[in-house]
Amino acid sequence: MYIEFKKRRRIDFELLLIYFFAFIIFSSFVIITFEKVFPNHEIDYIEHEVRKGETVYYLIQEYNQDADINTLIQYAENKNKDIGNIKPGEVVLIPVIKE
């Protein structure tokens, strides 16, 4: 009976270690992802008059070289009406990361 209890206690301890390391790995992943998506930079907006052939993706990439473009597109969508259908001559607000 004592041996069964000892084995069960060992299994419980091993499971606890597995859960602990899984939690640490998951937490690290969440922190790294959160920092990448929501960096500690402030966002400014620049007015830009659209020229023929320019897209929102292109403009955001031009003003922000090393940034998460998808996140900045969401910022642009929040500031501009119908940002998906820009036309030449339109003035749009382009998000720019302050460093």
Protein backbone atom coordinates (compact mmCIF):
# COMPACT_ATOMS: atom_id res chain seq x y z
CA MET A 1 0.00 0.00 0.00
CA TYR A 2 2.81 2.41 0.82
CA ILE A 3 4.51 1.63 -2.52
CA GLU A 4 1.31 2.45 -4.46
CA PHE A 5 1.04 5.76 -2.62
CA LYS A 6 4.68 6.56 -3.38
CA LYS A 7 4.21 5.79 -7.10
CA ARG A 8 1.06 7.91 -7.26
CA ARG A 9 2.83 10.79 -5.52
CA ARG A 10 5.68 10.58 -8.04
CA ILE A 11 3.26 10.62 -10.99
CA ASP A 12 1.45 13.62 -9.52
CA PHE A 13 4.77 15.45 -9.15
CA GLU A 14 5.76 14.64 -12.75
CA LEU A 15 2.41 15.91 -14.04
CA LEU A 16 2.84 19.07 -11.99
CA LEU A 17 6.25 19.64 -13.60
CA ILE A 18 4.84 19.06 -17.08
CA TYR A 19 2.00 21.53 -16.46
CA PHE A 20 4.42 24.07 -15.00
CA PHE A 21 6.77 23.98 -17.99
CA ALA A 22 3.85 24.07 -20.42
CA PHE A 23 2.55 27.17 -18.62
CA ILE A 24 5.98 28.84 -18.78
CA ILE A 25 6.33 28.13 -22.51
CA PHE A 26 2.79 29.33 -23.25
CA SER A 27 3.26 32.49 -21.17
CA SER A 28 6.51 33.31 -22.96
CA PHE A 29 4.83 32.89 -26.33
CA VAL A 30 1.97 35.21 -25.32
CA ILE A 31 4.34 37.89 -24.02
CA ILE A 32 6.52 37.80 -27.14
CA THR A 33 3.49 37.92 -29.44
CA PHE A 34 1.86 40.74 -27.47
CA GLU A 35 5.06 42.81 -27.61
CA LYS A 36 5.29 42.33 -31.37
CA VAL A 37 1.68 43.25 -32.03
CA PHE A 38 1.46 46.10 -29.52
CA PRO A 39 4.91 47.64 -29.32
CA ASN A 40 5.72 50.49 -26.95
CA HIS A 41 5.75 53.02 -29.77
CA GLU A 42 3.34 55.88 -30.21
CA ILE A 43 1.43 56.20 -33.46
CA ASP A 44 1.28 59.47 -35.41
CA TYR A 45 -0.70 60.07 -38.57
CA ILE A 46 0.51 61.77 -41.75
CA GLU A 47 -1.84 63.18 -44.37
CA HIS A 48 -0.99 61.78 -47.78
CA GLU A 49 -2.57 62.60 -51.13
CA VAL A 50 -3.01 59.36 -53.03
CA ARG A 51 -1.39 59.09 -56.45
CA LYS A 52 -2.25 56.65 -59.21
CA GLY A 53 -1.18 53.09 -58.45
CA GLU A 54 -0.71 53.56 -54.69
CA THR A 55 -2.33 51.17 -52.24
CA VAL A 56 -2.79 51.39 -48.48
CA TYR A 57 -0.34 48.53 -48.03
CA TYR A 58 2.26 50.29 -50.18
CA LEU A 59 1.85 53.64 -48.35
CA ILE A 60 2.13 52.11 -44.89
CA GLN A 61 5.20 50.17 -46.00
CA GLU A 62 6.81 53.35 -47.38
CA TYR A 63 6.35 55.28 -44.14
CA ASN A 64 7.16 52.36 -41.78
CA GLN A 65 10.08 50.22 -42.91
CA ASP A 66 10.37 47.65 -40.08
CA ALA A 67 6.85 47.44 -38.69
CA ASP A 68 3.97 45.00 -38.52
CA ILE A 69 2.05 46.16 -41.59
CA ASN A 70 -1.17 44.29 -40.73
CA THR A 71 -1.48 46.05 -37.38
CA LEU A 72 -0.84 49.43 -38.98
CA ILE A 73 -3.51 48.71 -41.61
CA GLN A 74 -5.96 48.26 -38.75
CA TYR A 75 -4.92 51.67 -37.39
CA ALA A 76 -5.47 53.16 -40.87
CA GLU A 77 -8.92 51.54 -41.11
CA ASN A 78 -9.89 53.13 -37.78
CA LYS A 79 -8.93 56.64 -38.95
CA ASN A 80 -10.16 56.59 -42.57
CA LYS A 81 -13.54 55.85 -44.08
CA ASP A 82 -13.50 53.13 -46.74
CA ILE A 83 -9.69 52.81 -46.74
CA GLY A 84 -9.94 49.74 -48.97
CA ASN A 85 -11.12 51.81 -51.95
CA ILE A 86 -8.75 54.77 -52.12
CA LYS A 87 -8.64 56.82 -55.31
CA PRO A 88 -6.04 59.20 -56.77
CA GLY A 89 -6.44 62.71 -55.33
CA GLU A 90 -7.93 61.49 -52.03
CA VAL A 91 -6.21 62.55 -48.82
CA VAL A 92 -5.77 59.69 -46.34
CA LEU A 93 -4.25 59.48 -42.87
CA ILE A 94 -1.32 57.06 -42.82
CA PRO A 95 -0.19 55.71 -39.41
CA VAL A 96 3.51 56.26 -38.70
CA ILE A 97 5.35 54.78 -35.74
CA LYS A 98 7.17 57.36 -33.59
CA GLU A 99 10.50 56.08 -32.40
